[in-house]
Amino acid sequence: PKGLALIPLDRRLFGAGGWLREVPLDLV
């Protein structure tokens, strides 16, 4: 459940218009 705390930041990084939305990435 600790990971729930990071979901708001996930949205800002990967959601619509996110900071990393268009970047080639390894998501591990």
mmCIF file of all heavy atoms, coordinates in Angstrom:
data_MODEL
# 
_entry.id   MODEL 
# 
loop_
_atom_site.group_PDB 
_atom_site.id 
_atom_site.type_symbol 
_atom_site.label_atom_id 
_atom_site.label_alt_id 
_atom_site.label_comp_id 
_atom_site.label_asym_id 
_atom_site.label_entity_id 
_atom_site.label_seq_id 
_atom_site.pdbx_PDB_ins_code 
_atom_site.Cartn_x 
_atom_site.Cartn_y 
_atom_site.Cartn_z 
_atom_site.occupancy 
_atom_site.B_iso_or_equiv 
_atom_site.pdbx_formal_charge 
_atom_site.auth_seq_id 
_atom_site.auth_comp_id 
_atom_site.auth_asym_id 
_atom_site.auth_atom_id 
_atom_site.pdbx_PDB_model_num 
ATOM 1   N N   . PRO A 1 1  ? 0.798  -1.234 0.000   1.00 0.00 ? 1  PRO A N   1 
ATOM 2   C CA  . PRO A 1 1  ? 0.000  0.000  0.000   1.00 0.00 ? 1  PRO A CA  1 
ATOM 3   C C   . PRO A 1 1  ? 0.827  1.279  0.000   1.00 0.00 ? 1  PRO A C   1 
ATOM 4   O O   . PRO A 1 1  ? 0.306  2.340  -0.354  1.00 0.00 ? 1  PRO A O   1 
ATOM 5   C CB  . PRO A 1 1  ? -0.815 -0.115 1.299   1.00 0.00 ? 1  PRO A CB  1 
ATOM 6   C CG  . PRO A 1 1  ? -0.879 -1.579 1.577   1.00 0.00 ? 1  PRO A CG  1 
ATOM 7   C CD  . PRO A 1 1  ? 0.423  -2.135 1.096   1.00 0.00 ? 1  PRO A CD  1 
ATOM 8   N N   . LYS A 1 2  ? 2.102  1.217  0.388   1.00 0.00 ? 2  LYS A N   1 
ATOM 9   C CA  . LYS A 1 2  ? 2.935  2.430  0.342   1.00 0.00 ? 2  LYS A CA  1 
ATOM 10  C C   . LYS A 1 2  ? 2.952  3.030  -1.061  1.00 0.00 ? 2  LYS A C   1 
ATOM 11  O O   . LYS A 1 2  ? 3.059  4.248  -1.230  1.00 0.00 ? 2  LYS A O   1 
ATOM 12  C CB  . LYS A 1 2  ? 4.362  2.124  0.790   1.00 0.00 ? 2  LYS A CB  1 
ATOM 13  C CG  . LYS A 1 2  ? 4.528  1.656  2.213   1.00 0.00 ? 2  LYS A CG  1 
ATOM 14  C CD  . LYS A 1 2  ? 6.003  1.491  2.546   1.00 0.00 ? 2  LYS A CD  1 
ATOM 15  C CE  . LYS A 1 2  ? 6.205  0.850  3.916   1.00 0.00 ? 2  LYS A CE  1 
ATOM 16  N NZ  . LYS A 1 2  ? 5.866  -0.595 3.897   1.00 0.00 ? 2  LYS A NZ  1 
ATOM 17  N N   . GLY A 1 3  ? 2.868  2.174  -2.066  1.00 0.00 ? 3  GLY A N   1 
ATOM 18  C CA  . GLY A 1 3  ? 2.897  2.663  -3.437  1.00 0.00 ? 3  GLY A CA  1 
ATOM 19  C C   . GLY A 1 3  ? 1.733  3.559  -3.788  1.00 0.00 ? 3  GLY A C   1 
ATOM 20  O O   . GLY A 1 3  ? 1.821  4.339  -4.747  1.00 0.00 ? 3  GLY A O   1 
ATOM 21  N N   . LEU A 1 4  ? 0.635  3.493  -3.030  1.00 0.00 ? 4  LEU A N   1 
ATOM 22  C CA  . LEU A 1 4  ? -0.505 4.373  -3.294  1.00 0.00 ? 4  LEU A CA  1 
ATOM 23  C C   . LEU A 1 4  ? -0.107 5.838  -3.171  1.00 0.00 ? 4  LEU A C   1 
ATOM 24  O O   . LEU A 1 4  ? -0.655 6.702  -3.868  1.00 0.00 ? 4  LEU A O   1 
ATOM 25  C CB  . LEU A 1 4  ? -1.638 4.071  -2.309  1.00 0.00 ? 4  LEU A CB  1 
ATOM 26  C CG  . LEU A 1 4  ? -2.282 2.683  -2.402  1.00 0.00 ? 4  LEU A CG  1 
ATOM 27  C CD1 . LEU A 1 4  ? -3.237 2.475  -1.232  1.00 0.00 ? 4  LEU A CD1 1 
ATOM 28  C CD2 . LEU A 1 4  ? -2.999 2.503  -3.731  1.00 0.00 ? 4  LEU A CD2 1 
ATOM 29  N N   . ALA A 1 5  ? 0.837  6.127  -2.287  1.00 0.00 ? 5  ALA A N   1 
ATOM 30  C CA  . ALA A 1 5  ? 1.255  7.508  -2.056  1.00 0.00 ? 5  ALA A CA  1 
ATOM 31  C C   . ALA A 1 5  ? 1.927  8.116  -3.276  1.00 0.00 ? 5  ALA A C   1 
ATOM 32  O O   . ALA A 1 5  ? 2.001  9.354  -3.405  1.00 0.00 ? 5  ALA A O   1 
ATOM 33  C CB  . ALA A 1 5  ? 2.206  7.571  -0.856  1.00 0.00 ? 5  ALA A CB  1 
ATOM 34  N N   . LEU A 1 6  ? 2.422  7.281  -4.189  1.00 0.00 ? 6  LEU A N   1 
ATOM 35  C CA  . LEU A 1 6  ? 3.159  7.777  -5.354  1.00 0.00 ? 6  LEU A CA  1 
ATOM 36  C C   . LEU A 1 6  ? 2.272  7.915  -6.592  1.00 0.00 ? 6  LEU A C   1 
ATOM 37  O O   . LEU A 1 6  ? 2.715  8.466  -7.601  1.00 0.00 ? 6  LEU A O   1 
ATOM 38  C CB  . LEU A 1 6  ? 4.331  6.846  -5.638  1.00 0.00 ? 6  LEU A CB  1 
ATOM 39  C CG  . LEU A 1 6  ? 5.323  6.706  -4.479  1.00 0.00 ? 6  LEU A CG  1 
ATOM 40  C CD1 . LEU A 1 6  ? 6.362  5.641  -4.797  1.00 0.00 ? 6  LEU A CD1 1 
ATOM 41  C CD2 . LEU A 1 6  ? 5.994  8.028  -4.158  1.00 0.00 ? 6  LEU A CD2 1 
ATOM 42  N N   . ILE A 1 7  ? 1.047  7.441  -6.525  1.00 0.00 ? 7  ILE A N   1 
ATOM 43  C CA  . ILE A 1 7  ? 0.175  7.518  -7.689  1.00 0.00 ? 7  ILE A CA  1 
ATOM 44  C C   . ILE A 1 7  ? -0.134 8.964  -8.089  1.00 0.00 ? 7  ILE A C   1 
ATOM 45  O O   . ILE A 1 7  ? -0.175 9.271  -9.297  1.00 0.00 ? 7  ILE A O   1 
ATOM 46  C CB  . ILE A 1 7  ? -1.095 6.676  -7.456  1.00 0.00 ? 7  ILE A CB  1 
ATOM 47  C CG1 . ILE A 1 7  ? -0.707 5.187  -7.536  1.00 0.00 ? 7  ILE A CG1 1 
ATOM 48  C CG2 . ILE A 1 7  ? -2.179 7.012  -8.465  1.00 0.00 ? 7  ILE A CG2 1 
ATOM 49  C CD1 . ILE A 1 7  ? -1.850 4.219  -7.311  1.00 0.00 ? 7  ILE A CD1 1 
ATOM 50  N N   . PRO A 1 8  ? -0.323 9.907  -7.147  1.00 0.00 ? 8  PRO A N   1 
ATOM 51  C CA  . PRO A 1 8  ? -0.501 11.293 -7.603  1.00 0.00 ? 8  PRO A CA  1 
ATOM 52  C C   . PRO A 1 8  ? 0.675  11.811 -8.436  1.00 0.00 ? 8  PRO A C   1 
ATOM 53  O O   . PRO A 1 8  ? 0.483  12.527 -9.420  1.00 0.00 ? 8  PRO A O   1 
ATOM 54  C CB  . PRO A 1 8  ? -0.654 12.071 -6.288  1.00 0.00 ? 8  PRO A CB  1 
ATOM 55  C CG  . PRO A 1 8  ? -1.259 11.081 -5.352  1.00 0.00 ? 8  PRO A CG  1 
ATOM 56  C CD  . PRO A 1 8  ? -0.595 9.775  -5.700  1.00 0.00 ? 8  PRO A CD  1 
ATOM 57  N N   . LEU A 1 9  ? 1.901  11.452 -8.055  1.00 0.00 ? 9  LEU A N   1 
ATOM 58  C CA  . LEU A 1 9  ? 3.057  11.865 -8.855  1.00 0.00 ? 9  LEU A CA  1 
ATOM 59  C C   . LEU A 1 9  ? 3.099  11.109 -10.178 1.00 0.00 ? 9  LEU A C   1 
ATOM 60  O O   . LEU A 1 9  ? 3.465  11.684 -11.219 1.00 0.00 ? 9  LEU A O   1 
ATOM 61  C CB  . LEU A 1 9  ? 4.351  11.658 -8.069  1.00 0.00 ? 9  LEU A CB  1 
ATOM 62  C CG  . LEU A 1 9  ? 5.644  12.049 -8.790  1.00 0.00 ? 9  LEU A CG  1 
ATOM 63  C CD1 . LEU A 1 9  ? 5.597  13.487 -9.296  1.00 0.00 ? 9  LEU A CD1 1 
ATOM 64  C CD2 . LEU A 1 9  ? 6.856  11.847 -7.868  1.00 0.00 ? 9  LEU A CD2 1 
ATOM 65  N N   . ASP A 1 10 ? 2.722  9.832  -10.177 1.00 0.00 ? 10 ASP A N   1 
ATOM 66  C CA  . ASP A 1 10 ? 2.647  9.083  -11.440 1.00 0.00 ? 10 ASP A CA  1 
ATOM 67  C C   . ASP A 1 10 ? 1.758  9.810  -12.448 1.00 0.00 ? 10 ASP A C   1 
ATOM 68  O O   . ASP A 1 10 ? 2.077  9.881  -13.642 1.00 0.00 ? 10 ASP A O   1 
ATOM 69  C CB  . ASP A 1 10 ? 2.089  7.679  -11.195 1.00 0.00 ? 10 ASP A CB  1 
ATOM 70  C CG  . ASP A 1 10 ? 3.018  6.784  -10.395 1.00 0.00 ? 10 ASP A CG  1 
ATOM 71  O OD1 . ASP A 1 10 ? 4.229  7.055  -10.365 1.00 0.00 ? 10 ASP A OD1 1 
ATOM 72  O OD2 . ASP A 1 10 ? 2.519  5.811  -9.799  1.00 0.00 ? 10 ASP A OD2 1 
ATOM 73  N N   . ARG A 1 11 ? 0.638  10.350 -11.981 1.00 0.00 ? 11 ARG A N   1 
ATOM 74  C CA  . ARG A 1 11 ? -0.270 11.065 -12.881 1.00 0.00 ? 11 ARG A CA  1 
ATOM 75  C C   . ARG A 1 11 ? 0.425  12.258 -13.515 1.00 0.00 ? 11 ARG A C   1 
ATOM 76  O O   . ARG A 1 11 ? 0.241  12.540 -14.715 1.00 0.00 ? 11 ARG A O   1 
ATOM 77  C CB  . ARG A 1 11 ? -1.506 11.536 -12.125 1.00 0.00 ? 11 ARG A CB  1 
ATOM 78  C CG  . ARG A 1 11 ? -2.403 10.435 -11.611 1.00 0.00 ? 11 ARG A CG  1 
ATOM 79  C CD  . ARG A 1 11 ? -3.627 11.046 -10.934 1.00 0.00 ? 11 ARG A CD  1 
ATOM 80  N NE  . ARG A 1 11 ? -4.428 10.049 -10.269 1.00 0.00 ? 11 ARG A NE  1 
ATOM 81  C CZ  . ARG A 1 11 ? -5.285 9.235  -10.863 1.00 0.00 ? 11 ARG A CZ  1 
ATOM 82  N NH1 . ARG A 1 11 ? -5.435 9.309  -12.181 1.00 0.00 ? 11 ARG A NH1 1 
ATOM 83  N NH2 . ARG A 1 11 ? -5.982 8.352  -10.174 1.00 0.00 ? 11 ARG A NH2 1 
ATOM 84  N N   . ARG A 1 12 ? 1.196  12.995 -12.718 1.00 0.00 ? 12 ARG A N   1 
ATOM 85  C CA  . ARG A 1 12 ? 1.851  14.197 -13.228 1.00 0.00 ? 12 ARG A CA  1 
ATOM 86  C C   . ARG A 1 12 ? 2.996  13.868 -14.164 1.00 0.00 ? 12 ARG A C   1 
ATOM 87  O O   . ARG A 1 12 ? 3.362  14.666 -15.026 1.00 0.00 ? 12 ARG A O   1 
ATOM 88  C CB  . ARG A 1 12 ? 2.326  15.059 -12.060 1.00 0.00 ? 12 ARG A CB  1 
ATOM 89  C CG  . ARG A 1 12 ? 1.151  15.749 -11.339 1.00 0.00 ? 12 ARG A CG  1 
ATOM 90  C CD  . ARG A 1 12 ? 1.502  16.081 -9.896  1.00 0.00 ? 12 ARG A CD  1 
ATOM 91  N NE  . ARG A 1 12 ? 0.425  16.809 -9.236  1.00 0.00 ? 12 ARG A NE  1 
ATOM 92  C CZ  . ARG A 1 12 ? -0.684 16.244 -8.762  1.00 0.00 ? 12 ARG A CZ  1 
ATOM 93  N NH1 . ARG A 1 12 ? -0.874 14.939 -8.896  1.00 0.00 ? 12 ARG A NH1 1 
ATOM 94  N NH2 . ARG A 1 12 ? -1.593 16.978 -8.144  1.00 0.00 ? 12 ARG A NH2 1 
ATOM 95  N N   . LEU A 1 13 ? 3.557  12.680 -14.013 1.00 0.00 ? 13 LEU A N   1 
ATOM 96  C CA  . LEU A 1 13 ? 4.649  12.278 -14.886 1.00 0.00 ? 13 LEU A CA  1 
ATOM 97  C C   . LEU A 1 13 ? 4.148  11.628 -16.180 1.00 0.00 ? 13 LEU A C   1 
ATOM 98  O O   . LEU A 1 13 ? 4.701  11.865 -17.256 1.00 0.00 ? 13 LEU A O   1 
ATOM 99  C CB  . LEU A 1 13 ? 5.571  11.298 -14.157 1.00 0.00 ? 13 LEU A CB  1 
ATOM 100 C CG  . LEU A 1 13 ? 6.329  11.834 -12.942 1.00 0.00 ? 13 LEU A CG  1 
ATOM 101 C CD1 . LEU A 1 13 ? 7.140  10.717 -12.305 1.00 0.00 ? 13 LEU A CD1 1 
ATOM 102 C CD2 . LEU A 1 13 ? 7.237  12.998 -13.331 1.00 0.00 ? 13 LEU A CD2 1 
ATOM 103 N N   . PHE A 1 14 ? 3.085  10.806 -16.087 1.00 0.00 ? 14 PHE A N   1 
ATOM 104 C CA  . PHE A 1 14 ? 2.703  9.945  -17.212 1.00 0.00 ? 14 PHE A CA  1 
ATOM 105 C C   . PHE A 1 14 ? 1.291  10.170 -17.725 1.00 0.00 ? 14 PHE A C   1 
ATOM 106 O O   . PHE A 1 14 ? 0.935  9.637  -18.770 1.00 0.00 ? 14 PHE A O   1 
ATOM 107 C CB  . PHE A 1 14 ? 2.836  8.469  -16.802 1.00 0.00 ? 14 PHE A CB  1 
ATOM 108 C CG  . PHE A 1 14 ? 4.197  8.119  -16.283 1.00 0.00 ? 14 PHE A CG  1 
ATOM 109 C CD1 . PHE A 1 14 ? 4.385  7.813  -14.942 1.00 0.00 ? 14 PHE A CD1 1 
ATOM 110 C CD2 . PHE A 1 14 ? 5.292  8.106  -17.124 1.00 0.00 ? 14 PHE A CD2 1 
ATOM 111 C CE1 . PHE A 1 14 ? 5.636  7.482  -14.453 1.00 0.00 ? 14 PHE A CE1 1 
ATOM 112 C CE2 . PHE A 1 14 ? 6.556  7.784  -16.650 1.00 0.00 ? 14 PHE A CE2 1 
ATOM 113 C CZ  . PHE A 1 14 ? 6.731  7.478  -15.304 1.00 0.00 ? 14 PHE A CZ  1 
ATOM 114 N N   . GLY A 1 15 ? 0.453  10.920 -16.998 1.00 0.00 ? 15 GLY A N   1 
ATOM 115 C CA  . GLY A 1 15 ? -0.912 11.161 -17.456 1.00 0.00 ? 15 GLY A CA  1 
ATOM 116 C C   . GLY A 1 15 ? -0.952 12.147 -18.611 1.00 0.00 ? 15 GLY A C   1 
ATOM 117 O O   . GLY A 1 15 ? 0.090  12.541 -19.172 1.00 0.00 ? 15 GLY A O   1 
ATOM 118 N N   . ALA A 1 16 ? -2.137 12.556 -18.992 1.00 0.00 ? 16 ALA A N   1 
ATOM 119 C CA  . ALA A 1 16 ? -2.292 13.496 -20.105 1.00 0.00 ? 16 ALA A CA  1 
ATOM 120 C C   . ALA A 1 16 ? -1.466 14.751 -19.842 1.00 0.00 ? 16 ALA A C   1 
ATOM 121 O O   . ALA A 1 16 ? -1.618 15.395 -18.809 1.00 0.00 ? 16 ALA A O   1 
ATOM 122 C CB  . ALA A 1 16 ? -3.762 13.845 -20.277 1.00 0.00 ? 16 ALA A CB  1 
ATOM 123 N N   . GLY A 1 17 ? -0.572 15.094 -20.780 1.00 0.00 ? 17 GLY A N   1 
ATOM 124 C CA  . GLY A 1 17 ? 0.295  16.255 -20.620 1.00 0.00 ? 17 GLY A CA  1 
ATOM 125 C C   . GLY A 1 17 ? 1.392  16.059 -19.602 1.00 0.00 ? 17 GLY A C   1 
ATOM 126 O O   . GLY A 1 17 ? 2.044  17.032 -19.204 1.00 0.00 ? 17 GLY A O   1 
ATOM 127 N N   . GLY A 1 18 ? 1.650  14.816 -19.172 1.00 0.00 ? 18 GLY A N   1 
ATOM 128 C CA  . GLY A 1 18 ? 2.637  14.540 -18.127 1.00 0.00 ? 18 GLY A CA  1 
ATOM 129 C C   . GLY A 1 18 ? 4.057  14.897 -18.533 1.00 0.00 ? 18 GLY A C   1 
ATOM 130 O O   . GLY A 1 18 ? 4.402  14.914 -19.721 1.00 0.00 ? 18 GLY A O   1 
ATOM 131 N N   . TRP A 1 19 ? 4.890  15.152 -17.546 1.00 0.00 ? 19 TRP A N   1 
ATOM 132 C CA  . TRP A 1 19 ? 6.263  15.622 -17.762 1.00 0.00 ? 19 TRP A CA  1 
ATOM 133 C C   . TRP A 1 19 ? 7.078  14.615 -18.566 1.00 0.00 ? 19 TRP A C   1 
ATOM 134 O O   . TRP A 1 19 ? 7.948  15.001 -19.351 1.00 0.00 ? 19 TRP A O   1 
ATOM 135 C CB  . TRP A 1 19 ? 6.925  15.903 -16.405 1.00 0.00 ? 19 TRP A CB  1 
ATOM 136 C CG  . TRP A 1 19 ? 8.188  16.691 -16.485 1.00 0.00 ? 19 TRP A CG  1 
ATOM 137 C CD1 . TRP A 1 19 ? 8.332  17.986 -16.874 1.00 0.00 ? 19 TRP A CD1 1 
ATOM 138 C CD2 . TRP A 1 19 ? 9.506  16.225 -16.136 1.00 0.00 ? 19 TRP A CD2 1 
ATOM 139 N NE1 . TRP A 1 19 ? 9.664  18.365 -16.794 1.00 0.00 ? 19 TRP A NE1 1 
ATOM 140 C CE2 . TRP A 1 19 ? 10.397 17.297 -16.337 1.00 0.00 ? 19 TRP A CE2 1 
ATOM 141 C CE3 . TRP A 1 19 ? 10.006 15.012 -15.659 1.00 0.00 ? 19 TRP A CE3 1 
ATOM 142 C CZ2 . TRP A 1 19 ? 11.763 17.204 -16.086 1.00 0.00 ? 19 TRP A CZ2 1 
ATOM 143 C CZ3 . TRP A 1 19 ? 11.360 14.909 -15.402 1.00 0.00 ? 19 TRP A CZ3 1 
ATOM 144 C CH2 . TRP A 1 19 ? 12.234 15.992 -15.620 1.00 0.00 ? 19 TRP A CH2 1 
ATOM 145 N N   . LEU A 1 20 ? 6.817  13.325 -18.388 1.00 0.00 ? 20 LEU A N   1 
ATOM 146 C CA  . LEU A 1 20 ? 7.583  12.289 -19.095 1.00 0.00 ? 20 LEU A CA  1 
ATOM 147 C C   . LEU A 1 20 ? 6.754  11.572 -20.158 1.00 0.00 ? 20 LEU A C   1 
ATOM 148 O O   . LEU A 1 20 ? 7.146  10.511 -20.645 1.00 0.00 ? 20 LEU A O   1 
ATOM 149 C CB  . LEU A 1 20 ? 8.109  11.259 -18.090 1.00 0.00 ? 20 LEU A CB  1 
ATOM 150 C CG  . LEU A 1 20 ? 9.191  11.749 -17.121 1.00 0.00 ? 20 LEU A CG  1 
ATOM 151 C CD1 . LEU A 1 20 ? 9.537  10.650 -16.114 1.00 0.00 ? 20 LEU A CD1 1 
ATOM 152 C CD2 . LEU A 1 20 ? 10.454 12.177 -17.872 1.00 0.00 ? 20 LEU A CD2 1 
ATOM 153 N N   . ARG A 1 21 ? 5.636  12.147 -20.507 1.00 0.00 ? 21 ARG A N   1 
ATOM 154 C CA  . ARG A 1 21 ? 4.672  11.460 -21.362 1.00 0.00 ? 21 ARG A CA  1 
ATOM 155 C C   . ARG A 1 21 ? 5.263  11.004 -22.690 1.00 0.00 ? 21 ARG A C   1 
ATOM 156 O O   . ARG A 1 21 ? 4.986  9.895  -23.163 1.00 0.00 ? 21 ARG A O   1 
ATOM 157 C CB  . ARG A 1 21 ? 3.485  12.403 -21.619 1.00 0.00 ? 21 ARG A CB  1 
ATOM 158 C CG  . ARG A 1 21 ? 2.421  11.869 -22.529 1.00 0.00 ? 21 ARG A CG  1 
ATOM 159 C CD  . ARG A 1 21 ? 1.545  10.866 -21.834 1.00 0.00 ? 21 ARG A CD  1 
ATOM 160 N NE  . ARG A 1 21 ? 0.499  10.379 -22.728 1.00 0.00 ? 21 ARG A NE  1 
ATOM 161 C CZ  . ARG A 1 21 ? -0.407 9.475  -22.372 1.00 0.00 ? 21 ARG A CZ  1 
ATOM 162 N NH1 . ARG A 1 21 ? -0.389 8.987  -21.153 1.00 0.00 ? 21 ARG A NH1 1 
ATOM 163 N NH2 . ARG A 1 21 ? -1.314 9.069  -23.225 1.00 0.00 ? 21 ARG A NH2 1 
ATOM 164 N N   . GLU A 1 22 ? 6.090  11.828 -23.309 1.00 0.00 ? 22 GLU A N   1 
ATOM 165 C CA  . GLU A 1 22 ? 6.580  11.532 -24.659 1.00 0.00 ? 22 GLU A CA  1 
ATOM 166 C C   . GLU A 1 22 ? 8.022  11.041 -24.683 1.00 0.00 ? 22 GLU A C   1 
ATOM 167 O O   . GLU A 1 22 ? 8.615  10.916 -25.748 1.00 0.00 ? 22 GLU A O   1 
ATOM 168 C CB  . GLU A 1 22 ? 6.453  12.782 -25.540 1.00 0.00 ? 22 GLU A CB  1 
ATOM 169 C CG  . GLU A 1 22 ? 5.045  13.372 -25.608 1.00 0.00 ? 22 GLU A CG  1 
ATOM 170 C CD  . GLU A 1 22 ? 4.024  12.380 -26.128 1.00 0.00 ? 22 GLU A CD  1 
ATOM 171 O OE1 . GLU A 1 22 ? 4.399  11.533 -26.978 1.00 0.00 ? 22 GLU A OE1 1 
ATOM 172 O OE2 . GLU A 1 22 ? 2.858  12.436 -25.690 1.00 0.00 ? 22 GLU A OE2 1 
ATOM 173 N N   . VAL A 1 23 ? 8.595  10.746 -23.530 1.00 0.00 ? 23 VAL A N   1 
ATOM 174 C CA  . VAL A 1 23 ? 10.013 10.383 -23.452 1.00 0.00 ? 23 VAL A CA  1 
ATOM 175 C C   . VAL A 1 23 ? 10.187 8.867  -23.561 1.00 0.00 ? 23 VAL A C   1 
ATOM 176 O O   . VAL A 1 23 ? 9.460  8.116  -22.906 1.00 0.00 ? 23 VAL A O   1 
ATOM 177 C CB  . VAL A 1 23 ? 10.614 10.874 -22.119 1.00 0.00 ? 23 VAL A CB  1 
ATOM 178 C CG1 . VAL A 1 23 ? 12.070 10.453 -21.988 1.00 0.00 ? 23 VAL A CG1 1 
ATOM 179 C CG2 . VAL A 1 23 ? 10.485 12.391 -22.028 1.00 0.00 ? 23 VAL A CG2 1 
ATOM 180 N N   . PRO A 1 24 ? 11.131 8.378  -24.382 1.00 0.00 ? 24 PRO A N   1 
ATOM 181 C CA  . PRO A 1 24 ? 11.427 6.940  -24.388 1.00 0.00 ? 24 PRO A CA  1 
ATOM 182 C C   . PRO A 1 24 ? 12.001 6.520  -23.042 1.00 0.00 ? 24 PRO A C   1 
ATOM 183 O O   . PRO A 1 24 ? 13.020 7.054  -22.603 1.00 0.00 ? 24 PRO A O   1 
ATOM 184 C CB  . PRO A 1 24 ? 12.469 6.794  -25.494 1.00 0.00 ? 24 PRO A CB  1 
ATOM 185 C CG  . PRO A 1 24 ? 12.369 8.037  -26.305 1.00 0.00 ? 24 PRO A CG  1 
ATOM 186 C CD  . PRO A 1 24 ? 11.933 9.113  -25.363 1.00 0.00 ? 24 PRO A CD  1 
ATOM 187 N N   . LEU A 1 25 ? 11.361 5.566  -22.389 1.00 0.00 ? 25 LEU A N   1 
ATOM 188 C CA  . LEU A 1 25 ? 11.725 5.211  -21.025 1.00 0.00 ? 25 LEU A CA  1 
ATOM 189 C C   . LEU A 1 25 ? 11.685 3.709  -20.822 1.00 0.00 ? 25 LEU A C   1 
ATOM 190 O O   . LEU A 1 25 ? 10.915 2.999  -21.471 1.00 0.00 ? 25 LEU A O   1 
ATOM 191 C CB  . LEU A 1 25 ? 10.734 5.830  -20.025 1.00 0.00 ? 25 LEU A CB  1 
ATOM 192 C CG  . LEU A 1 25 ? 10.692 7.341  -19.840 1.00 0.00 ? 25 LEU A CG  1 
ATOM 193 C CD1 . LEU A 1 25 ? 9.464  7.708  -19.010 1.00 0.00 ? 25 LEU A CD1 1 
ATOM 194 C CD2 . LEU A 1 25 ? 11.958 7.822  -19.146 1.00 0.00 ? 25 LEU A CD2 1 
ATOM 195 N N   . ASP A 1 26 ? 12.499 3.240  -19.872 1.00 0.00 ? 26 ASP A N   1 
ATOM 196 C CA  . ASP A 1 26 ? 12.310 1.933  -19.277 1.00 0.00 ? 26 ASP A CA  1 
ATOM 197 C C   . ASP A 1 26 ? 11.520 2.138  -17.987 1.00 0.00 ? 26 ASP A C   1 
ATOM 198 O O   . ASP A 1 26 ? 11.963 2.868  -17.088 1.00 0.00 ? 26 ASP A O   1 
ATOM 199 C CB  . ASP A 1 26 ? 13.649 1.276  -18.940 1.00 0.00 ? 26 ASP A CB  1 
ATOM 200 C CG  . ASP A 1 26 ? 14.320 0.647  -20.145 1.00 0.00 ? 26 ASP A CG  1 
ATOM 201 O OD1 . ASP A 1 26 ? 13.706 0.624  -21.226 1.00 0.00 ? 26 ASP A OD1 1 
ATOM 202 O OD2 . ASP A 1 26 ? 15.464 0.183  -20.001 1.00 0.00 ? 26 ASP A OD2 1 
ATOM 203 N N   . LEU A 1 27 ? 10.357 1.504  -17.905 1.00 0.00 ? 27 LEU A N   1 
ATOM 204 C CA  . LEU A 1 27 ? 9.523  1.553  -16.710 1.00 0.00 ? 27 LEU A CA  1 
ATOM 205 C C   . LEU A 1 27 ? 9.618  0.181  -16.054 1.00 0.00 ? 27 LEU A C   1 
ATOM 206 O O   . LEU A 1 27 ? 9.092  -0.806 -16.592 1.00 0.00 ? 27 LEU A O   1 
ATOM 207 C CB  . LEU A 1 27 ? 8.076  1.884  -17.079 1.00 0.00 ? 27 LEU A CB  1 
ATOM 208 C CG  . LEU A 1 27 ? 7.869  3.182  -17.864 1.00 0.00 ? 27 LEU A CG  1 
ATOM 209 C CD1 . LEU A 1 27 ? 6.416  3.332  -18.283 1.00 0.00 ? 27 LEU A CD1 1 
ATOM 210 C CD2 . LEU A 1 27 ? 8.320  4.389  -17.047 1.00 0.00 ? 27 LEU A CD2 1 
ATOM 211 N N   . VAL A 1 28 ? 10.310 0.106  -14.936 1.00 0.00 ? 28 VAL A N   1 
ATOM 212 C CA  . VAL A 1 28 ? 10.611 -1.187 -14.321 1.00 0.00 ? 28 VAL A CA  1 
ATOM 213 C C   . VAL A 1 28 ? 10.054 -1.221 -12.911 1.00 0.00 ? 28 VAL A C   1 
ATOM 214 O O   . VAL A 1 28 ? 10.215 -0.268 -12.143 1.00 0.00 ? 28 VAL A O   1 
ATOM 215 C CB  . VAL A 1 28 ? 12.135 -1.461 -14.338 1.00 0.00 ? 28 VAL A CB  1 
ATOM 216 C CG1 . VAL A 1 28 ? 12.923 -0.318 -13.722 1.00 0.00 ? 28 VAL A CG1 1 
ATOM 217 C CG2 . VAL A 1 28 ? 12.462 -2.771 -13.638 1.00 0.00 ? 28 VAL A CG2 1 
# 
